[in-house]
Amino acid sequence: MATSLNQSARRAAERGLLVQVIIGRQCKDSAADSLAELERLADTAGVVVTGSITQRRDRPDPAFLIGHGKLEEVQLACRAAKADLLVFDNDLSAVQVDNLSAAVGADVMDRTELILQIFARRARSAEAQMQVELAQLQYLSSRIQATEKQARFRGGIGARGPGEKPFQLHKAPMLHRIRVLKRKLEEIQERRSRTREGRPWPVVSIVGYTNAGKSTLLNALTGAGAYVDDRLFATLDTKSRLLFMPGGRKAILTDTVGFIRNLPHGLVASFRSTLEEISESDMLLIVADAGHAYAGEHVSVVRGTLKEMRADRIPALWVFNKTDCAEARARIPRLAAEHSGALFVSALTGEGVDALKLRIESGLPVAARPFAEGGNDSWREWRKRPADG
């Protein structure tokens, strides 16, 4: 009864039990925040959370991830809550998913599959839908490959007969579709690259942890009406608006998909054409929720993701948002001490937004003359030239 990636998306209001295994010396508070985040992810996916169970282990059980005693507790909790879905905060192997599903009599998914399902629901543009499909297929392909290896290990070389195996029959069309999607996304990437070369203004990308208020900040800075929702991954499609700065200069301000801890590597790779917008920016606004108890950990996740994308050397402004919250105001002195030069704003009330515009303008390279008056050359072509005397 293991779930397919889209099976759960078709069913309404599933009742789900959350399970977390804390491996080794992971900090208890960090694990608690991760579990709370999993609950928000489940809510975003439309799952009615019935409860949660946590276990600390030195090492994961290869068959079930959790121990046999904890497995019995999970079985009883599922029956008592009438839960038809187990959602693990950990990544699961294909064998673990099958074993857990058979033992508990419920569908099973891990954190990666849950995030993929949310992305599938949120994708609106054709590009985002292709990127999500690619990530899903690569995830399933890796599952099939792992199951195939396990079957070979169990059966031995002599157990394999002639002809294609069921694994291969499923995998062949999947690999073909993966190649098709990669080719289409590469074409989009090339078109976008040509478009970037012709932009008349510098590009400032808003990045940060999911639900940090990036879209609200885009609206506050530009007066745009970008979609805003108090849910994780409300934004998948890149949105760009023109930013008018106090000194009369202009920039293209771009809102991008949010980051999260343990973001599936396949998603980062599949969203390459979208995320490349970040790595080609002239400046980054790195946004964090100042009121979140684990804002520091979220900052570390963002730093790591930017490094993985090779975007960690782009000039950046750290922006701590949601200062209108009481929790945020209490944390501002510590955050200011830890992040020299950071700005503190409330995109909701507008506090600090004008100061942020000034910092953006002063941080961007200064053209010898306003570029809009300089003919048909692009901003990037202008940047390649030596400054006029």
Protein backbone atom coordinates (compact mmCIF):
# COMPACT_ATOMS: atom_id res chain seq x y z
CA MET A 1 0.00 0.00 0.00
CA ALA A 2 2.91 2.33 -0.54
CA THR A 3 1.77 5.58 -2.13
CA SER A 4 2.44 6.71 -5.65
CA LEU A 5 3.41 10.37 -5.93
CA ASN A 6 0.01 11.42 -7.24
CA GLN A 7 -2.21 8.87 -5.50
CA SER A 8 -2.46 10.85 -2.27
CA ALA A 9 -2.95 14.13 -4.14
CA ARG A 10 -6.19 12.79 -5.60
CA ARG A 11 -7.70 11.87 -2.24
CA ALA A 12 -9.19 14.55 -0.05
CA ALA A 13 -8.53 15.05 3.66
CA GLU A 14 -6.33 12.05 4.41
CA ARG A 15 -5.72 11.45 8.09
CA GLY A 16 -1.99 11.23 8.71
CA LEU A 17 0.24 10.22 11.61
CA LEU A 18 3.67 11.88 11.66
CA VAL A 19 6.72 9.79 12.57
CA GLN A 20 10.21 11.09 13.26
CA VAL A 21 13.40 9.16 13.99
CA ILE A 22 16.16 11.22 15.60
CA ILE A 23 19.42 9.62 14.56
CA GLY A 24 22.53 9.87 16.71
CA ARG A 25 23.26 13.19 18.40
CA GLN A 26 20.83 15.43 16.54
CA CYS A 27 19.78 18.35 18.75
CA LYS A 28 16.41 17.78 20.42
CA ASP A 29 15.22 21.34 19.78
CA SER A 30 16.26 21.18 16.12
CA ALA A 31 14.42 17.87 15.75
CA ALA A 32 11.31 19.41 17.34
CA ASP A 33 11.41 22.29 14.85
CA SER A 34 11.82 19.83 11.97
CA LEU A 35 8.77 17.90 13.18
CA ALA A 36 6.74 21.12 13.47
CA GLU A 37 7.82 21.96 9.93
CA LEU A 38 6.71 18.50 8.77
CA GLU A 39 3.28 19.19 10.27
CA ARG A 40 3.05 22.42 8.26
CA LEU A 41 4.12 20.57 5.13
CA ALA A 42 1.43 17.95 5.75
CA ASP A 43 -1.17 20.67 6.27
CA THR A 44 -0.09 22.36 3.04
CA ALA A 45 -0.56 19.01 1.27
CA GLY A 46 -4.10 18.72 2.65
CA VAL A 47 -3.36 16.04 5.25
CA VAL A 48 -5.28 16.12 8.55
CA VAL A 49 -2.57 15.43 11.15
CA THR A 50 -3.81 13.11 13.91
CA GLY A 51 -0.66 13.09 16.02
CA SER A 52 3.06 12.39 16.01
CA ILE A 53 5.47 9.76 17.32
CA THR A 54 9.20 10.29 17.83
CA GLN A 55 12.01 7.83 18.50
CA ARG A 56 15.73 8.39 19.08
CA ARG A 57 18.05 5.71 17.72
CA ASP A 58 21.79 5.32 17.32
CA ARG A 59 21.21 3.98 13.81
CA PRO A 60 18.13 3.41 11.64
CA ASP A 61 16.57 -0.04 11.40
CA PRO A 62 17.22 -1.24 7.81
CA ALA A 63 13.80 -2.88 7.51
CA PHE A 64 11.48 -0.35 9.18
CA LEU A 65 13.66 2.65 10.16
CA ILE A 66 11.96 2.47 13.60
CA GLY A 67 12.41 -0.33 16.14
CA HIS A 68 9.92 -3.18 16.48
CA GLY A 69 8.54 -1.88 19.78
CA LYS A 70 7.95 1.56 18.25
CA LEU A 71 6.37 -0.12 15.21
CA GLU A 72 3.73 -1.65 17.49
CA GLU A 73 3.09 1.80 18.98
CA VAL A 74 2.63 3.21 15.48
CA GLN A 75 0.20 0.41 14.59
CA LEU A 76 -1.93 1.11 17.68
CA ALA A 77 -1.85 4.88 17.13
CA CYS A 78 -2.97 4.48 13.51
CA ARG A 79 -5.90 2.30 14.51
CA ALA A 80 -6.94 4.59 17.36
CA ALA A 81 -6.83 7.73 15.19
CA LYS A 82 -8.18 5.99 12.08
CA ALA A 83 -5.14 7.28 10.21
CA ASP A 84 -4.71 6.02 6.66
CA LEU A 85 -1.31 7.63 6.04
CA LEU A 86 2.10 7.58 7.74
CA VAL A 87 4.32 10.59 7.01
CA PHE A 88 7.98 10.21 8.01
CA ASP A 89 10.25 13.17 8.66
CA ASN A 90 13.13 11.00 7.43
CA ASP A 91 13.96 9.68 3.99
CA LEU A 92 12.87 6.06 3.52
CA SER A 93 14.17 3.34 1.25
CA ALA A 94 11.75 1.55 -1.07
CA VAL A 95 12.05 -1.57 1.10
CA GLN A 96 11.22 0.39 4.27
CA VAL A 97 8.16 1.94 2.62
CA ASP A 98 6.86 -1.48 1.55
CA ASN A 99 7.56 -3.07 4.93
CA LEU A 100 5.95 -0.27 6.92
CA SER A 101 2.90 -0.17 4.67
CA ALA A 102 2.36 -3.92 4.97
CA ALA A 103 2.88 -3.90 8.75
CA VAL A 104 0.63 -0.94 9.54
CA GLY A 105 -1.97 -1.29 6.78
CA ALA A 106 -1.65 2.35 5.73
CA ASP A 107 -0.02 4.34 2.95
CA VAL A 108 3.49 5.56 3.70
CA MET A 109 5.47 8.54 2.42
CA ASP A 110 8.67 10.25 3.47
CA ARG A 111 9.55 13.93 3.68
CA THR A 112 10.91 14.03 0.13
CA GLU A 113 7.74 12.57 -1.39
CA LEU A 114 5.61 14.97 0.65
CA ILE A 115 7.56 17.98 -0.66
CA LEU A 116 7.29 16.65 -4.22
CA GLN A 117 3.53 16.31 -3.79
CA ILE A 118 3.26 19.93 -2.59
CA PHE A 119 5.31 21.12 -5.55
CA ALA A 120 3.00 19.18 -7.89
CA ARG A 121 -0.02 20.94 -6.39
CA ARG A 122 1.56 24.39 -6.50
CA ALA A 123 3.06 24.29 -10.01
CA ARG A 124 1.13 26.62 -12.31
CA SER A 125 3.28 27.40 -15.34
CA ALA A 126 4.18 24.79 -17.93
CA GLU A 127 7.83 25.15 -16.94
CA ALA A 128 7.17 24.54 -13.24
CA GLN A 129 4.99 21.54 -14.07
CA MET A 130 7.75 20.03 -16.20
CA GLN A 131 10.32 20.66 -13.48
CA VAL A 132 8.15 18.95 -10.87
CA GLU A 133 7.42 16.02 -13.17
CA LEU A 134 11.15 15.60 -13.80
CA ALA A 135 11.88 15.57 -10.06
CA GLN A 136 9.08 13.04 -9.47
CA LEU A 137 10.29 10.72 -12.23
CA GLN A 138 13.89 10.88 -11.03
CA TYR A 139 12.69 10.08 -7.50
CA LEU A 140 10.65 7.10 -8.72
CA SER A 141 13.47 5.95 -10.96
CA SER A 142 15.86 5.84 -8.01
CA ARG A 143 13.25 3.86 -6.05
CA ILE A 144 12.87 1.33 -8.87
CA GLN A 145 16.64 1.02 -9.17
CA ALA A 146 17.00 0.41 -5.42
CA THR A 147 14.22 -2.21 -5.48
CA GLU A 148 15.84 -3.90 -8.47
CA LYS A 149 19.18 -4.13 -6.68
CA GLN A 150 17.48 -5.53 -3.58
CA ALA A 151 15.68 -8.17 -5.66
CA ARG A 152 18.93 -9.21 -7.33
CA PHE A 153 20.65 -9.44 -3.96
CA ARG A 154 17.89 -11.65 -2.58
CA GLY A 155 17.57 -13.86 -5.64
CA GLY A 156 21.22 -14.18 -6.56
CA ILE A 157 22.65 -14.16 -10.05
CA GLY A 158 21.34 -17.64 -10.83
CA ALA A 159 17.75 -16.58 -10.09
CA ARG A 160 17.59 -14.17 -13.02
CA GLY A 161 15.92 -15.55 -16.14
CA PRO A 162 16.06 -14.30 -19.72
CA GLY A 163 14.18 -11.26 -21.01
CA GLU A 164 13.25 -7.94 -19.46
CA LYS A 165 12.26 -7.81 -15.82
CA PRO A 166 9.19 -5.87 -14.56
CA PHE A 167 11.55 -3.23 -13.17
CA GLN A 168 13.02 -2.66 -16.63
CA LEU A 169 9.58 -2.57 -18.26
CA HIS A 170 8.55 0.23 -15.90
CA LYS A 171 11.85 2.06 -16.07
CA ALA A 172 12.34 2.27 -19.86
CA PRO A 173 9.44 4.69 -20.61
CA MET A 174 10.29 6.61 -17.45
CA LEU A 175 13.88 7.19 -18.58
CA HIS A 176 12.63 8.25 -22.02
CA ARG A 177 10.29 10.81 -20.45
CA ILE A 178 13.14 12.08 -18.25
CA ARG A 179 15.27 12.69 -21.35
CA VAL A 180 12.39 14.52 -23.08
CA LEU A 181 11.78 16.76 -20.06
CA LYS A 182 15.47 17.55 -19.66
CA ARG A 183 15.70 18.56 -23.32
CA LYS A 184 12.64 20.82 -23.09
CA LEU A 185 13.91 22.46 -19.90
CA GLU A 186 17.34 23.02 -21.46
CA GLU A 187 15.61 24.84 -24.33
CA ILE A 188 13.76 27.03 -21.83
CA GLN A 189 17.03 27.66 -20.02
CA GLU A 190 18.72 28.77 -23.24
CA ARG A 191 15.84 31.14 -24.09
CA ARG A 192 15.93 32.60 -20.61
CA SER A 193 19.68 33.09 -20.84
CA ARG A 194 19.25 35.08 -24.07
CA THR A 195 16.51 37.15 -22.42
CA ARG A 196 18.79 37.92 -19.47
CA GLU A 197 21.50 39.18 -21.80
CA GLY A 198 19.09 41.76 -23.19
CA ARG A 199 17.78 43.12 -19.91
CA PRO A 200 18.25 46.88 -19.59
CA TRP A 201 18.53 46.91 -15.77
CA PRO A 202 20.36 44.98 -13.05
CA VAL A 203 18.59 41.99 -11.47
CA VAL A 204 17.97 41.67 -7.73
CA SER A 205 16.66 38.27 -6.59
CA ILE A 206 14.73 37.68 -3.38
CA VAL A 207 15.76 34.37 -1.83
CA GLY A 208 15.30 32.75 1.54
CA TYR A 209 13.59 30.13 3.62
CA THR A 210 10.08 29.19 2.60
CA ASN A 211 7.32 31.29 4.20
CA ALA A 212 9.73 34.05 5.23
CA GLY A 213 7.56 36.66 3.48
CA LYS A 214 9.44 36.96 0.18
CA SER A 215 6.34 37.57 -1.97
CA THR A 216 5.01 40.10 0.54
CA LEU A 217 8.37 41.89 0.38
CA LEU A 218 8.22 41.92 -3.44
CA ASN A 219 4.81 43.59 -3.20
CA ALA A 220 6.02 46.10 -0.59
CA LEU A 221 9.05 47.12 -2.66
CA THR A 222 7.32 47.34 -6.05
CA GLY A 223 3.61 47.78 -5.36
CA ALA A 224 2.99 44.55 -7.28
CA GLY A 225 0.10 42.23 -6.57
CA ALA A 226 2.01 38.95 -6.37
CA TYR A 227 0.15 36.01 -4.82
CA VAL A 228 0.72 35.72 -1.07
CA ASP A 229 -0.30 32.79 1.14
CA ASP A 230 0.71 31.82 4.68
CA ARG A 231 1.69 28.33 3.57
CA LEU A 232 4.94 26.63 2.69
CA PHE A 233 6.01 26.87 -0.96
CA ALA A 234 3.27 29.30 -1.97
CA THR A 235 5.63 30.47 -4.74
CA LEU A 236 7.10 28.09 -7.33
CA ASP A 237 7.04 30.18 -10.48
CA THR A 238 9.53 33.03 -10.72
CA LYS A 239 7.89 36.48 -10.66
CA SER A 240 9.73 39.63 -11.76
CA ARG A 241 8.68 43.24 -11.21
CA LEU A 242 10.32 46.61 -11.87
CA LEU A 243 11.77 48.29 -8.79
CA PHE A 244 12.00 52.10 -8.78
CA MET A 245 14.70 53.29 -6.38
CA PRO A 246 14.85 56.67 -4.57
CA GLY A 247 17.66 58.06 -6.76
CA GLY A 248 15.73 57.39 -9.96
CA ARG A 249 17.48 54.15 -10.89
CA LYS A 250 15.62 50.96 -11.76
CA ALA A 251 16.20 47.26 -11.17
CA ILE A 252 14.37 44.05 -11.95
CA LEU A 253 13.24 42.48 -8.67
CA THR A 254 12.63 38.72 -8.82
CA ASP A 255 10.82 36.47 -6.33
CA THR A 256 11.94 32.83 -6.35
CA VAL A 257 11.02 29.47 -4.84
CA GLY A 258 11.76 29.18 -1.12
CA PHE A 259 14.35 26.91 0.46
CA ILE A 260 13.81 24.36 3.22
CA ARG A 261 15.98 22.01 5.24
CA ASN A 262 16.63 18.70 3.50
CA LEU A 263 15.34 20.09 0.22
CA PRO A 264 15.39 17.07 -2.12
CA HIS A 265 18.50 17.22 -4.29
CA GLY A 266 16.42 16.16 -7.29
CA LEU A 267 14.29 19.27 -6.89
CA VAL A 268 17.33 21.54 -6.89
CA ALA A 269 18.56 19.85 -10.06
CA SER A 270 15.13 19.80 -11.75
CA PHE A 271 14.51 23.49 -10.99
CA ARG A 272 17.85 24.43 -12.51
CA SER A 273 16.32 26.70 -15.15
CA THR A 274 14.40 28.58 -12.44
CA LEU A 275 17.16 28.65 -9.84
CA GLU A 276 19.69 29.82 -12.43
CA GLU A 277 17.86 33.14 -12.22
CA ILE A 278 19.37 33.41 -8.73
CA SER A 279 22.93 32.53 -9.72
CA GLU A 280 22.84 35.10 -12.55
CA SER A 281 21.63 37.94 -10.31
CA ASP A 282 23.54 41.15 -9.64
CA MET A 283 22.41 41.20 -6.01
CA LEU A 284 20.53 38.93 -3.60
CA LEU A 285 18.07 39.90 -0.88
CA ILE A 286 18.29 37.00 1.57
CA VAL A 287 15.08 37.05 3.59
CA ALA A 288 14.55 35.36 6.96
CA ASP A 289 11.67 35.40 9.44
CA ALA A 290 12.98 37.42 12.37
CA GLY A 291 10.24 36.07 14.61
CA HIS A 292 11.03 32.41 14.07
CA ALA A 293 12.68 30.63 16.99
CA TYR A 294 15.07 28.89 14.59
CA ALA A 295 15.86 31.82 12.30
CA GLY A 296 19.57 31.10 12.76
CA GLU A 297 19.17 27.53 11.55
CA HIS A 298 17.11 28.75 8.59
CA VAL A 299 19.95 31.14 7.72
CA SER A 300 22.35 28.17 7.71
CA VAL A 301 20.05 26.24 5.36
CA VAL A 302 19.89 29.21 2.98
CA ARG A 303 23.68 29.64 3.05
CA GLY A 304 24.15 25.94 2.27
CA THR A 305 21.65 25.97 -0.60
CA LEU A 306 23.22 29.07 -2.16
CA LYS A 307 26.63 27.42 -1.91
CA GLU A 308 25.27 24.30 -3.63
CA MET A 309 23.96 26.55 -6.40
CA ARG A 310 27.32 28.39 -6.58
CA ALA A 311 25.53 31.63 -5.81
CA ASP A 312 27.21 32.27 -2.46
CA ARG A 313 29.59 34.93 -3.81
CA ILE A 314 26.95 37.25 -5.23
CA PRO A 315 26.65 40.57 -3.32
CA ALA A 316 23.86 40.09 -0.79
CA LEU A 317 21.80 41.99 1.75
CA TRP A 318 20.44 40.08 4.72
CA VAL A 319 16.85 41.12 5.38
CA PHE A 320 15.05 40.00 8.53
CA ASN A 321 11.33 40.30 7.91
CA LYS A 322 8.19 40.29 10.10
CA THR A 323 9.51 42.78 12.66
CA ASP A 324 5.90 43.70 13.41
CA CYS A 325 5.68 40.51 15.50
CA ALA A 326 6.47 40.70 19.21
CA GLU A 327 8.70 37.62 18.98
CA ALA A 328 10.77 39.30 16.27
CA ARG A 329 11.30 42.51 18.22
CA ALA A 330 12.65 40.51 21.14
CA ARG A 331 15.19 38.80 18.88
CA ILE A 332 16.36 41.86 16.89
CA PRO A 333 19.32 42.77 19.20
CA ARG A 334 20.76 39.24 18.99
CA LEU A 335 20.19 38.95 15.24
CA ALA A 336 21.74 42.39 14.65
CA ALA A 337 24.83 41.35 16.61
CA GLU A 338 25.14 38.07 14.69
CA HIS A 339 24.52 39.58 11.24
CA SER A 340 26.36 42.87 10.87
CA GLY A 341 24.78 45.12 8.27
CA ALA A 342 21.47 43.24 8.18
CA LEU A 343 18.26 45.19 7.69
CA PHE A 344 15.09 44.67 9.71
CA VAL A 345 11.78 45.27 7.97
CA SER A 346 8.10 44.51 8.10
CA ALA A 347 6.89 43.88 4.57
CA LEU A 348 3.38 43.81 6.01
CA THR A 349 3.42 47.32 7.56
CA GLY A 350 6.12 48.86 5.34
CA GLU A 351 8.50 49.54 8.23
CA GLY A 352 12.09 49.67 6.97
CA VAL A 353 11.15 49.22 3.30
CA ASP A 354 12.35 52.68 2.22
CA ALA A 355 15.69 52.11 3.97
CA LEU A 356 15.97 48.79 2.15
CA LYS A 357 15.46 50.52 -1.21
CA LEU A 358 18.31 52.92 -0.40
CA ARG A 359 20.60 50.01 0.52
CA ILE A 360 19.74 48.18 -2.70
CA GLU A 361 20.49 51.28 -4.76
CA SER A 362 23.79 51.97 -3.01
CA GLY A 363 24.86 48.33 -3.33
CA LEU A 364 24.37 48.01 -7.08
CA PRO A 365 27.12 49.04 -9.54
CA VAL A 366 26.70 52.66 -10.62
CA ALA A 367 26.49 53.33 -14.35
CA ALA A 368 28.26 56.38 -15.79
CA ARG A 369 24.88 57.51 -17.13
CA PRO A 370 21.35 56.17 -16.68
CA PHE A 371 21.24 53.08 -18.83
CA ALA A 372 17.74 53.72 -20.15
CA GLU A 373 19.22 56.74 -21.92
CA GLY A 374 22.18 54.85 -23.33
CA GLY A 375 20.76 53.21 -26.44
CA ASN A 376 20.16 49.56 -27.17
CA ASP A 377 23.02 47.93 -25.29
CA SER A 378 22.04 45.73 -22.37
CA TRP A 379 23.01 46.24 -18.73
CA ARG A 380 25.28 43.19 -18.88
CA GLU A 381 27.06 44.51 -21.98
CA TRP A 382 27.55 47.84 -20.20
CA ARG A 383 29.07 46.05 -17.21
CA LYS A 384 31.72 44.48 -19.44
CA ARG A 385 33.02 47.92 -20.44
CA PRO A 386 35.63 49.90 -18.52
CA ALA A 387 34.17 52.88 -16.67
CA ASP A 388 34.24 56.19 -18.56
CA GLY A 389 36.71 58.71 -17.27
